[in-house]
C-alpha cells in the first residue's frame, strides 16, 4: 500500500484547492494519505542551515517519509503561490540534501476557471525537474471548481468531476508506485 503525501499550495483554510485535496483520499482504496502542511514554515533563510527551526525539519522529514507526493495548487500571478515556493526551498536545502530527489510527484490544481492553474503547474513542473523528482505528465488536471458541485457534507456530487479526480488519482498512484525509490534494508 503506497503512502502518499498531499501538499496544498495555498495556506488559506477556505482554499478551494484544500477542499478538492480533502476529497482525494475518499477516491482511493489501499492507499494511505498524509497531509503535509506548509502553513507554519517561516521564510527560508540559508543562514539557518545547521540550526533549522523544528517546523522545517518536520516538513523535510514528512516529505522523506512518504512514497510520493501529490501537490494541489492554485495559481497566483501566473505562477505558484509564494508559500509553496518557500516550502519547496526548505525541502531542497541545505545543498545536497534535497528531499524531493527521486521522489515521484503528481500535480494538479483547482480554479474557478477551467484551466486556471495551467501556468502554476508548468512552473511547478520546472522546479520539480530541477529537483530530479519524476513528475506525472498525464493526465494534466485542471479542476474547474464550482461550489454547487459539492454537497452540504463537503462531498463532491458532480459525477464527471468525480471521474476526473478518480482518473487523476489512479494515474498518480500508478506513477508513484512505479517510480518510488526502493529502500535498501
N, C-alpha and C. Protein backbone atom coordinates (compact mmCIF):
# COMPACT_ATOMS: atom_id res chain seq x y z
N UNK A 1 0.86 -1.17 0.00
CA UNK A 1 0.00 0.00 0.00
C UNK A 1 0.90 1.24 0.00
N UNK A 2 0.76 2.09 -1.03
CA UNK A 2 1.59 3.30 -1.04
C UNK A 2 1.16 4.31 0.03
N UNK A 3 2.12 5.04 0.47
CA UNK A 3 1.89 6.13 1.43
C UNK A 3 2.20 7.43 0.69
N UNK A 4 1.15 8.26 0.50
CA UNK A 4 1.27 9.45 -0.34
C UNK A 4 1.02 10.71 0.48
N UNK A 5 1.93 11.65 0.36
CA UNK A 5 1.77 12.94 1.00
C UNK A 5 1.00 13.89 0.09
N UNK A 6 0.13 14.67 0.67
CA UNK A 6 -0.61 15.69 -0.08
C UNK A 6 -0.19 17.06 0.45
N UNK A 7 0.32 17.89 -0.47
CA UNK A 7 0.69 19.26 -0.14
C UNK A 7 -0.27 20.17 -0.88
N UNK A 8 -0.91 21.07 -0.15
CA UNK A 8 -1.78 22.07 -0.75
C UNK A 8 -0.98 23.36 -0.86
N UNK A 9 -0.95 23.94 -2.05
CA UNK A 9 -0.14 25.13 -2.31
C UNK A 9 -0.64 26.39 -1.67
N UNK A 10 -1.87 26.40 -1.19
CA UNK A 10 -2.45 27.57 -0.52
C UNK A 10 -2.43 27.35 0.98
N UNK A 11 -2.19 28.42 1.72
CA UNK A 11 -2.25 28.31 3.18
C UNK A 11 -3.60 28.77 3.74
N UNK A 12 -4.49 29.24 2.87
CA UNK A 12 -5.81 29.70 3.31
C UNK A 12 -6.66 28.50 3.74
N UNK A 13 -7.27 28.58 4.89
CA UNK A 13 -8.12 27.49 5.37
C UNK A 13 -9.34 27.29 4.47
N UNK A 14 -9.84 28.35 3.84
CA UNK A 14 -11.01 28.26 2.97
C UNK A 14 -10.62 28.00 1.52
N UNK A 15 -9.39 27.62 1.27
CA UNK A 15 -8.87 27.37 -0.07
C UNK A 15 -9.70 26.32 -0.81
N UNK A 16 -10.05 26.63 -2.07
CA UNK A 16 -10.76 25.62 -2.87
C UNK A 16 -9.83 24.46 -3.19
N UNK A 17 -8.54 24.69 -3.29
CA UNK A 17 -7.59 23.61 -3.52
C UNK A 17 -7.52 22.69 -2.31
N UNK A 18 -7.63 23.25 -1.13
CA UNK A 18 -7.67 22.43 0.10
C UNK A 18 -8.93 21.57 0.11
N UNK A 19 -10.04 22.16 -0.31
CA UNK A 19 -11.31 21.42 -0.36
C UNK A 19 -11.21 20.25 -1.34
N UNK A 20 -10.66 20.50 -2.51
CA UNK A 20 -10.50 19.43 -3.50
C UNK A 20 -9.52 18.38 -3.00
N UNK A 21 -8.40 18.79 -2.41
CA UNK A 21 -7.42 17.85 -1.88
C UNK A 21 -8.03 16.95 -0.81
N UNK A 22 -8.95 17.49 -0.03
CA UNK A 22 -9.56 16.69 1.05
C UNK A 22 -10.44 15.57 0.52
N UNK A 23 -10.86 15.67 -0.73
CA UNK A 23 -11.70 14.63 -1.34
C UNK A 23 -10.87 13.45 -1.82
N UNK A 24 -9.62 13.69 -2.20
CA UNK A 24 -8.80 12.65 -2.83
C UNK A 24 -8.73 11.34 -2.05
N UNK A 25 -8.50 11.36 -0.72
CA UNK A 25 -8.41 10.08 -0.01
C UNK A 25 -9.67 9.21 -0.12
N UNK A 26 -10.83 9.83 -0.27
CA UNK A 26 -12.07 9.04 -0.37
C UNK A 26 -12.21 8.35 -1.72
N UNK A 27 -11.37 8.70 -2.68
CA UNK A 27 -11.47 8.14 -4.03
C UNK A 27 -10.51 6.99 -4.28
N UNK A 28 -9.71 6.62 -3.29
CA UNK A 28 -8.71 5.56 -3.50
C UNK A 28 -8.75 4.55 -2.36
N UNK A 29 -8.71 3.30 -2.74
CA UNK A 29 -8.61 2.21 -1.76
C UNK A 29 -7.15 1.78 -1.66
N UNK A 30 -6.80 1.18 -0.57
CA UNK A 30 -5.47 0.63 -0.38
C UNK A 30 -4.35 1.65 -0.55
N UNK A 31 -4.60 2.87 -0.15
CA UNK A 31 -3.60 3.92 -0.20
C UNK A 31 -3.71 4.73 1.09
N UNK A 32 -2.57 5.00 1.69
CA UNK A 32 -2.54 5.84 2.89
C UNK A 32 -2.16 7.26 2.46
N UNK A 33 -2.93 8.23 2.89
CA UNK A 33 -2.66 9.62 2.58
C UNK A 33 -2.27 10.38 3.84
N UNK A 34 -1.29 11.25 3.70
CA UNK A 34 -0.79 12.06 4.79
C UNK A 34 -0.80 13.51 4.33
N UNK A 35 -1.44 14.38 5.08
CA UNK A 35 -1.41 15.80 4.75
C UNK A 35 -0.09 16.38 5.26
N UNK A 36 0.62 17.07 4.36
CA UNK A 36 1.88 17.71 4.72
C UNK A 36 1.65 19.21 4.66
N UNK A 37 1.56 19.81 5.83
CA UNK A 37 1.19 21.23 5.94
C UNK A 37 2.39 22.13 5.72
N UNK A 38 2.16 23.23 5.00
CA UNK A 38 3.23 24.20 4.74
C UNK A 38 2.96 25.54 5.42
N UNK A 39 1.82 25.67 6.08
CA UNK A 39 1.38 26.98 6.57
C UNK A 39 2.28 27.59 7.63
N UNK A 40 2.94 26.78 8.43
CA UNK A 40 3.73 27.32 9.54
C UNK A 40 5.21 27.52 9.23
N UNK A 41 5.61 27.20 8.00
CA UNK A 41 7.02 27.35 7.66
C UNK A 41 7.41 28.83 7.60
N UNK A 42 8.49 29.20 8.27
CA UNK A 42 8.97 30.58 8.13
C UNK A 42 9.61 30.74 6.75
N UNK A 43 9.91 31.95 6.36
CA UNK A 43 10.61 32.16 5.09
C UNK A 43 11.98 31.51 5.16
N UNK A 44 12.32 30.79 4.06
CA UNK A 44 13.63 30.13 4.03
C UNK A 44 14.74 31.17 4.09
N UNK A 45 15.76 30.86 4.89
CA UNK A 45 16.92 31.74 5.05
C UNK A 45 18.13 30.82 5.21
N UNK A 46 19.04 30.85 4.25
CA UNK A 46 20.19 29.93 4.28
C UNK A 46 21.03 30.09 5.54
N UNK A 47 20.93 31.24 6.21
CA UNK A 47 21.72 31.39 7.44
C UNK A 47 21.22 30.47 8.56
N UNK A 48 20.05 29.88 8.36
CA UNK A 48 19.52 28.93 9.34
C UNK A 48 20.03 27.51 9.11
N UNK A 49 20.71 27.27 7.98
CA UNK A 49 21.26 25.93 7.73
C UNK A 49 22.18 25.55 8.89
N UNK A 50 21.94 24.38 9.42
CA UNK A 50 22.69 23.94 10.58
C UNK A 50 21.96 24.21 11.89
N UNK A 51 20.96 25.08 11.87
CA UNK A 51 20.17 25.40 13.06
C UNK A 51 18.73 25.64 12.64
N UNK A 52 18.15 24.65 11.99
CA UNK A 52 16.81 24.78 11.43
C UNK A 52 15.73 24.85 12.50
N UNK A 53 14.66 25.61 12.22
CA UNK A 53 13.51 25.54 13.12
C UNK A 53 12.88 24.15 13.03
N UNK A 54 12.32 23.70 14.12
CA UNK A 54 11.74 22.36 14.17
C UNK A 54 10.68 22.14 13.09
N UNK A 55 9.87 23.15 12.81
CA UNK A 55 8.81 23.00 11.81
C UNK A 55 9.39 22.70 10.43
N UNK A 56 10.55 23.25 10.11
CA UNK A 56 11.19 22.98 8.83
C UNK A 56 11.76 21.56 8.78
N UNK A 57 12.37 21.13 9.85
CA UNK A 57 12.87 19.76 9.94
C UNK A 57 11.71 18.77 9.84
N UNK A 58 10.62 19.05 10.53
CA UNK A 58 9.44 18.19 10.47
C UNK A 58 8.89 18.11 9.05
N UNK A 59 8.88 19.25 8.34
CA UNK A 59 8.40 19.27 6.96
C UNK A 59 9.28 18.39 6.08
N UNK A 60 10.61 18.56 6.15
CA UNK A 60 11.52 17.73 5.35
C UNK A 60 11.32 16.25 5.68
N UNK A 61 11.21 15.94 6.95
CA UNK A 61 11.01 14.54 7.35
C UNK A 61 9.70 13.98 6.81
N UNK A 62 8.66 14.80 6.78
CA UNK A 62 7.37 14.35 6.26
C UNK A 62 7.47 14.05 4.77
N UNK A 63 8.14 14.90 4.02
CA UNK A 63 8.33 14.66 2.58
C UNK A 63 9.12 13.37 2.38
N UNK A 64 10.16 13.17 3.16
CA UNK A 64 11.01 11.99 3.01
C UNK A 64 10.33 10.71 3.46
N UNK A 65 9.32 10.81 4.31
CA UNK A 65 8.68 9.61 4.88
C UNK A 65 7.61 8.98 4.00
N UNK A 66 7.26 9.62 2.89
CA UNK A 66 6.21 9.09 2.02
C UNK A 66 6.82 8.54 0.73
N UNK A 67 6.04 7.70 0.05
CA UNK A 67 6.49 7.11 -1.21
C UNK A 67 6.43 8.10 -2.36
N UNK A 68 5.53 9.05 -2.27
CA UNK A 68 5.35 10.05 -3.31
C UNK A 68 4.50 11.19 -2.81
N UNK A 69 4.38 12.21 -3.65
CA UNK A 69 3.68 13.44 -3.25
C UNK A 69 2.67 13.82 -4.32
N UNK A 70 1.52 14.29 -3.88
CA UNK A 70 0.56 14.97 -4.75
C UNK A 70 0.52 16.42 -4.29
N UNK A 71 0.74 17.33 -5.22
CA UNK A 71 0.66 18.76 -4.91
C UNK A 71 -0.59 19.31 -5.60
N UNK A 72 -1.47 19.91 -4.81
CA UNK A 72 -2.70 20.53 -5.31
C UNK A 72 -2.53 22.02 -5.09
N UNK A 73 -2.42 22.78 -6.19
CA UNK A 73 -2.05 24.18 -6.02
C UNK A 73 -2.92 25.14 -6.82
N UNK A 74 -3.18 26.30 -6.25
CA UNK A 74 -3.78 27.38 -7.02
C UNK A 74 -2.70 28.07 -7.86
N UNK A 75 -3.13 29.03 -8.62
CA UNK A 75 -2.22 29.86 -9.40
C UNK A 75 -2.33 31.29 -8.88
N UNK A 76 -1.20 31.87 -8.52
CA UNK A 76 -1.14 33.26 -8.07
C UNK A 76 -0.24 34.01 -9.05
N UNK A 77 -0.75 35.06 -9.64
CA UNK A 77 0.04 35.92 -10.53
C UNK A 77 0.76 35.10 -11.61
N UNK A 78 0.06 34.14 -12.20
CA UNK A 78 0.58 33.30 -13.28
C UNK A 78 1.72 32.38 -12.86
N UNK A 79 1.77 32.02 -11.56
CA UNK A 79 2.82 31.13 -11.07
C UNK A 79 2.31 30.42 -9.81
N UNK A 80 3.22 29.78 -9.11
CA UNK A 80 2.84 29.10 -7.88
C UNK A 80 2.79 30.11 -6.73
N UNK A 81 2.00 29.82 -5.71
CA UNK A 81 1.96 30.70 -4.55
C UNK A 81 3.33 30.78 -3.86
N UNK A 82 3.61 31.93 -3.28
CA UNK A 82 4.87 32.11 -2.56
C UNK A 82 5.07 31.10 -1.45
N UNK A 83 4.00 30.73 -0.76
CA UNK A 83 4.11 29.76 0.34
C UNK A 83 4.58 28.41 -0.17
N UNK A 84 4.10 28.01 -1.35
CA UNK A 84 4.53 26.73 -1.92
C UNK A 84 5.99 26.81 -2.34
N UNK A 85 6.39 27.90 -2.98
CA UNK A 85 7.80 28.05 -3.38
C UNK A 85 8.69 28.03 -2.15
N UNK A 86 8.27 28.69 -1.09
CA UNK A 86 9.03 28.68 0.16
C UNK A 86 9.18 27.25 0.69
N UNK A 87 8.10 26.48 0.68
CA UNK A 87 8.16 25.10 1.16
C UNK A 87 9.13 24.27 0.32
N UNK A 88 9.07 24.47 -0.99
CA UNK A 88 9.99 23.75 -1.87
C UNK A 88 11.44 24.13 -1.59
N UNK A 89 11.67 25.41 -1.28
CA UNK A 89 13.02 25.83 -0.93
C UNK A 89 13.50 25.13 0.34
N UNK A 90 12.66 25.04 1.36
CA UNK A 90 13.03 24.32 2.58
C UNK A 90 13.33 22.86 2.27
N UNK A 91 12.49 22.24 1.44
CA UNK A 91 12.67 20.82 1.14
C UNK A 91 13.97 20.54 0.39
N UNK A 92 14.44 21.50 -0.38
CA UNK A 92 15.62 21.27 -1.22
C UNK A 92 16.93 21.66 -0.54
N UNK A 93 16.87 22.13 0.67
CA UNK A 93 18.06 22.62 1.36
C UNK A 93 18.36 21.78 2.58
N UNK A 94 19.53 21.86 3.15
CA UNK A 94 20.69 22.52 2.61
C UNK A 94 21.19 21.80 1.35
N UNK A 95 22.09 22.45 0.61
CA UNK A 95 22.57 21.91 -0.64
C UNK A 95 23.02 20.46 -0.45
N UNK A 96 22.56 19.60 -1.39
CA UNK A 96 22.92 18.19 -1.33
C UNK A 96 21.96 17.34 -0.51
N UNK A 97 20.96 17.98 0.09
CA UNK A 97 20.00 17.24 0.92
C UNK A 97 18.57 17.50 0.46
N UNK A 98 18.35 17.44 -0.85
CA UNK A 98 17.06 17.69 -1.46
C UNK A 98 16.09 16.55 -1.15
N UNK A 99 15.05 16.82 -0.40
CA UNK A 99 14.08 15.79 -0.01
C UNK A 99 13.24 15.29 -1.19
N UNK A 100 13.20 16.05 -2.29
CA UNK A 100 12.44 15.64 -3.47
C UNK A 100 13.28 14.83 -4.46
N UNK A 101 14.56 14.66 -4.23
CA UNK A 101 15.41 13.93 -5.17
C UNK A 101 14.91 12.50 -5.35
N UNK A 102 14.46 12.18 -6.56
CA UNK A 102 13.94 10.85 -6.86
C UNK A 102 12.53 10.59 -6.36
N UNK A 103 11.92 11.54 -5.70
CA UNK A 103 10.57 11.37 -5.14
C UNK A 103 9.53 11.59 -6.23
N UNK A 104 8.69 10.60 -6.56
CA UNK A 104 7.67 10.82 -7.58
C UNK A 104 6.58 11.79 -7.11
N UNK A 105 6.17 12.67 -8.03
CA UNK A 105 5.22 13.71 -7.70
C UNK A 105 4.16 13.79 -8.80
N UNK A 106 2.93 14.08 -8.39
CA UNK A 106 1.84 14.39 -9.32
C UNK A 106 1.30 15.75 -8.93
N UNK A 107 0.98 16.57 -9.93
CA UNK A 107 0.48 17.92 -9.65
C UNK A 107 -0.88 18.13 -10.30
N UNK A 108 -1.68 18.91 -9.64
CA UNK A 108 -2.98 19.33 -10.16
C UNK A 108 -3.35 20.64 -9.49
N UNK A 109 -4.43 21.25 -9.96
CA UNK A 109 -4.88 22.47 -9.33
C UNK A 109 -6.35 22.70 -9.59
N UNK A 110 -6.97 23.45 -8.71
CA UNK A 110 -8.38 23.80 -8.83
C UNK A 110 -8.49 25.31 -8.97
N UNK A 111 -9.46 25.72 -9.80
CA UNK A 111 -9.69 27.13 -10.05
C UNK A 111 -11.13 27.33 -10.43
N UNK A 112 -11.62 28.56 -10.31
CA UNK A 112 -12.97 28.86 -10.79
C UNK A 112 -12.98 28.96 -12.31
N UNK A 113 -11.82 28.92 -12.93
CA UNK A 113 -11.67 28.88 -14.38
C UNK A 113 -11.32 27.45 -14.80
N UNK A 114 -11.78 26.99 -15.97
CA UNK A 114 -11.50 25.62 -16.38
C UNK A 114 -10.00 25.26 -16.50
N UNK A 115 -9.14 26.21 -16.82
CA UNK A 115 -7.70 25.93 -16.91
C UNK A 115 -6.89 26.93 -16.11
N UNK A 116 -7.42 27.38 -15.01
CA UNK A 116 -6.83 28.46 -14.24
C UNK A 116 -5.53 28.16 -13.54
N UNK A 117 -5.07 26.93 -13.52
CA UNK A 117 -3.80 26.64 -12.84
C UNK A 117 -2.73 26.15 -13.81
N UNK A 118 -2.95 26.33 -15.10
CA UNK A 118 -2.01 25.81 -16.10
C UNK A 118 -0.61 26.39 -15.95
N UNK A 119 -0.49 27.70 -15.78
CA UNK A 119 0.84 28.31 -15.65
C UNK A 119 1.51 27.89 -14.34
N UNK A 120 0.75 27.84 -13.26
CA UNK A 120 1.31 27.41 -11.98
C UNK A 120 1.85 25.99 -12.09
N UNK A 121 1.07 25.11 -12.72
CA UNK A 121 1.52 23.73 -12.86
C UNK A 121 2.79 23.64 -13.71
N UNK A 122 2.87 24.44 -14.76
CA UNK A 122 4.07 24.41 -15.60
C UNK A 122 5.29 24.90 -14.82
N UNK A 123 5.12 25.97 -14.06
CA UNK A 123 6.24 26.46 -13.25
C UNK A 123 6.65 25.43 -12.21
N UNK A 124 5.66 24.79 -11.61
CA UNK A 124 5.95 23.76 -10.61
C UNK A 124 6.69 22.59 -11.24
N UNK A 125 6.29 22.18 -12.43
CA UNK A 125 6.98 21.08 -13.13
C UNK A 125 8.45 21.45 -13.39
N UNK A 126 8.71 22.72 -13.72
CA UNK A 126 10.10 23.15 -13.95
C UNK A 126 10.92 23.01 -12.68
N UNK A 127 10.37 23.41 -11.55
CA UNK A 127 11.07 23.29 -10.27
C UNK A 127 11.31 21.83 -9.94
N UNK A 128 10.28 21.00 -10.12
CA UNK A 128 10.41 19.57 -9.79
C UNK A 128 11.43 18.88 -10.70
N UNK A 129 11.52 19.30 -11.96
CA UNK A 129 12.54 18.74 -12.85
C UNK A 129 13.93 19.06 -12.32
N UNK A 130 14.12 20.29 -11.85
CA UNK A 130 15.40 20.68 -11.26
C UNK A 130 15.70 19.84 -10.01
N UNK A 131 14.66 19.46 -9.29
CA UNK A 131 14.82 18.65 -8.08
C UNK A 131 15.05 17.17 -8.38
N UNK A 132 15.01 16.77 -9.65
CA UNK A 132 15.13 15.37 -10.03
C UNK A 132 13.98 14.53 -9.47
N UNK A 133 12.79 15.14 -9.45
CA UNK A 133 11.59 14.46 -8.97
C UNK A 133 10.78 13.99 -10.19
N UNK A 134 10.66 12.69 -10.42
CA UNK A 134 9.86 12.22 -11.55
C UNK A 134 8.42 12.73 -11.39
N UNK A 135 7.94 13.44 -12.40
CA UNK A 135 6.64 14.10 -12.30
C UNK A 135 5.67 13.52 -13.32
N UNK A 136 4.47 13.21 -12.85
CA UNK A 136 3.42 12.68 -13.72
C UNK A 136 3.12 13.68 -14.83
N UNK A 137 3.20 13.23 -16.09
CA UNK A 137 2.92 14.10 -17.22
C UNK A 137 1.45 14.16 -17.60
N UNK A 138 0.79 13.03 -17.57
CA UNK A 138 -0.61 12.95 -17.96
C UNK A 138 -1.37 12.08 -16.97
N UNK A 139 -2.56 12.39 -16.65
CA UNK A 139 -3.34 13.48 -17.21
C UNK A 139 -3.02 14.81 -16.53
N UNK A 140 -2.94 15.87 -17.33
CA UNK A 140 -2.88 17.19 -16.73
C UNK A 140 -4.28 17.45 -16.16
N UNK A 141 -4.34 17.90 -14.94
CA UNK A 141 -5.63 18.02 -14.27
C UNK A 141 -5.85 19.44 -13.80
N UNK A 142 -6.81 20.07 -14.47
CA UNK A 142 -7.23 21.42 -14.14
C UNK A 142 -8.68 21.31 -13.67
N UNK A 143 -8.86 21.26 -12.36
CA UNK A 143 -10.19 21.03 -11.80
C UNK A 143 -10.98 22.34 -11.80
N UNK A 144 -12.10 22.33 -12.49
CA UNK A 144 -12.98 23.51 -12.57
C UNK A 144 -13.88 23.51 -11.33
N UNK A 145 -13.53 24.34 -10.37
CA UNK A 145 -14.26 24.38 -9.10
C UNK A 145 -15.57 25.15 -9.26
N UNK A 146 -16.64 24.47 -8.86
CA UNK A 146 -17.96 25.10 -8.80
C UNK A 146 -18.57 24.71 -7.45
N UNK A 147 -18.92 25.68 -6.66
CA UNK A 147 -19.45 25.41 -5.32
C UNK A 147 -20.69 24.52 -5.36
N UNK A 148 -21.50 24.66 -6.41
CA UNK A 148 -22.72 23.85 -6.48
C UNK A 148 -22.46 22.38 -6.80
N UNK A 149 -21.22 22.01 -7.03
CA UNK A 149 -20.87 20.61 -7.26
C UNK A 149 -20.68 19.84 -5.96
N UNK A 150 -20.68 20.57 -4.83
CA UNK A 150 -20.42 19.94 -3.54
C UNK A 150 -21.69 19.88 -2.71
N UNK A 151 -21.86 18.76 -2.01
CA UNK A 151 -22.98 18.61 -1.10
C UNK A 151 -22.73 19.36 0.20
N UNK A 152 -23.73 19.45 1.03
CA UNK A 152 -23.60 20.16 2.31
C UNK A 152 -22.58 19.50 3.23
N UNK A 153 -22.30 18.21 3.01
CA UNK A 153 -21.30 17.50 3.81
C UNK A 153 -19.89 17.64 3.24
N UNK A 154 -19.74 18.41 2.15
CA UNK A 154 -18.42 18.61 1.54
C UNK A 154 -18.08 17.61 0.47
N UNK A 155 -18.94 16.62 0.26
CA UNK A 155 -18.67 15.60 -0.76
C UNK A 155 -18.90 16.16 -2.16
N UNK A 156 -18.16 15.62 -3.10
CA UNK A 156 -18.29 16.04 -4.49
C UNK A 156 -19.46 15.28 -5.10
N UNK A 157 -20.43 16.01 -5.64
CA UNK A 157 -21.65 15.41 -6.17
C UNK A 157 -21.66 15.27 -7.69
N UNK A 158 -20.83 16.01 -8.39
CA UNK A 158 -20.80 16.01 -9.85
C UNK A 158 -20.04 14.77 -10.33
N UNK A 159 -20.75 13.86 -11.00
CA UNK A 159 -20.15 12.58 -11.41
C UNK A 159 -18.99 12.76 -12.38
N UNK A 160 -19.08 13.73 -13.30
CA UNK A 160 -17.99 13.96 -14.25
C UNK A 160 -16.74 14.43 -13.51
N UNK A 161 -16.92 15.26 -12.49
CA UNK A 161 -15.77 15.74 -11.72
C UNK A 161 -15.21 14.63 -10.84
N UNK A 162 -16.07 13.78 -10.29
CA UNK A 162 -15.59 12.62 -9.54
C UNK A 162 -14.74 11.74 -10.45
N UNK A 163 -15.21 11.52 -11.67
CA UNK A 163 -14.46 10.71 -12.64
C UNK A 163 -13.12 11.37 -12.98
N UNK A 164 -13.11 12.70 -13.13
CA UNK A 164 -11.87 13.41 -13.43
C UNK A 164 -10.86 13.21 -12.31
N UNK A 165 -11.28 13.42 -11.07
CA UNK A 165 -10.37 13.28 -9.94
C UNK A 165 -9.93 11.82 -9.75
N UNK A 166 -10.86 10.89 -9.96
CA UNK A 166 -10.52 9.47 -9.83
C UNK A 166 -9.48 9.08 -10.88
N UNK A 167 -9.65 9.54 -12.11
CA UNK A 167 -8.68 9.25 -13.16
C UNK A 167 -7.31 9.82 -12.83
N UNK A 168 -7.30 11.07 -12.34
CA UNK A 168 -6.03 11.67 -11.93
C UNK A 168 -5.39 10.86 -10.82
N UNK A 169 -6.17 10.51 -9.81
CA UNK A 169 -5.64 9.80 -8.65
C UNK A 169 -5.12 8.42 -9.03
N UNK A 170 -5.83 7.70 -9.88
CA UNK A 170 -5.36 6.39 -10.33
C UNK A 170 -4.02 6.52 -11.06
N UNK A 171 -3.90 7.54 -11.92
CA UNK A 171 -2.64 7.76 -12.63
C UNK A 171 -1.53 8.17 -11.66
N UNK A 172 -1.86 9.01 -10.68
CA UNK A 172 -0.88 9.45 -9.70
C UNK A 172 -0.37 8.27 -8.86
N UNK A 173 -1.27 7.43 -8.41
CA UNK A 173 -0.87 6.27 -7.61
C UNK A 173 0.00 5.33 -8.43
N UNK A 174 -0.40 5.06 -9.67
CA UNK A 174 0.40 4.18 -10.54
C UNK A 174 1.79 4.78 -10.77
N UNK A 175 1.85 6.10 -10.98
CA UNK A 175 3.13 6.79 -11.19
C UNK A 175 4.00 6.68 -9.94
N UNK A 176 3.41 6.88 -8.79
CA UNK A 176 4.18 6.81 -7.54
C UNK A 176 4.65 5.39 -7.28
N UNK A 177 3.78 4.41 -7.49
CA UNK A 177 4.19 3.01 -7.28
C UNK A 177 5.31 2.61 -8.24
N UNK A 178 5.24 3.09 -9.46
CA UNK A 178 6.25 2.74 -10.47
C UNK A 178 7.59 3.43 -10.21
N UNK A 179 7.56 4.64 -9.67
CA UNK A 179 8.76 5.44 -9.52
C UNK A 179 9.29 5.60 -8.11
N UNK A 180 8.58 5.05 -7.12
CA UNK A 180 9.03 5.23 -5.74
C UNK A 180 10.39 4.57 -5.55
N UNK A 181 11.31 5.28 -4.92
CA UNK A 181 12.64 4.70 -4.68
C UNK A 181 12.50 3.43 -3.82
N UNK A 182 13.30 2.45 -4.16
CA UNK A 182 13.33 1.20 -3.40
C UNK A 182 14.23 1.40 -2.21
N UNK A 183 13.70 1.13 -1.02
CA UNK A 183 14.55 1.29 0.16
C UNK A 183 15.43 0.05 0.34
N UNK A 184 16.63 0.28 0.74
CA UNK A 184 17.60 -0.80 0.95
C UNK A 184 17.63 -1.11 2.43
N UNK A 185 17.38 -2.38 2.75
CA UNK A 185 17.36 -2.78 4.17
C UNK A 185 18.74 -3.10 4.68
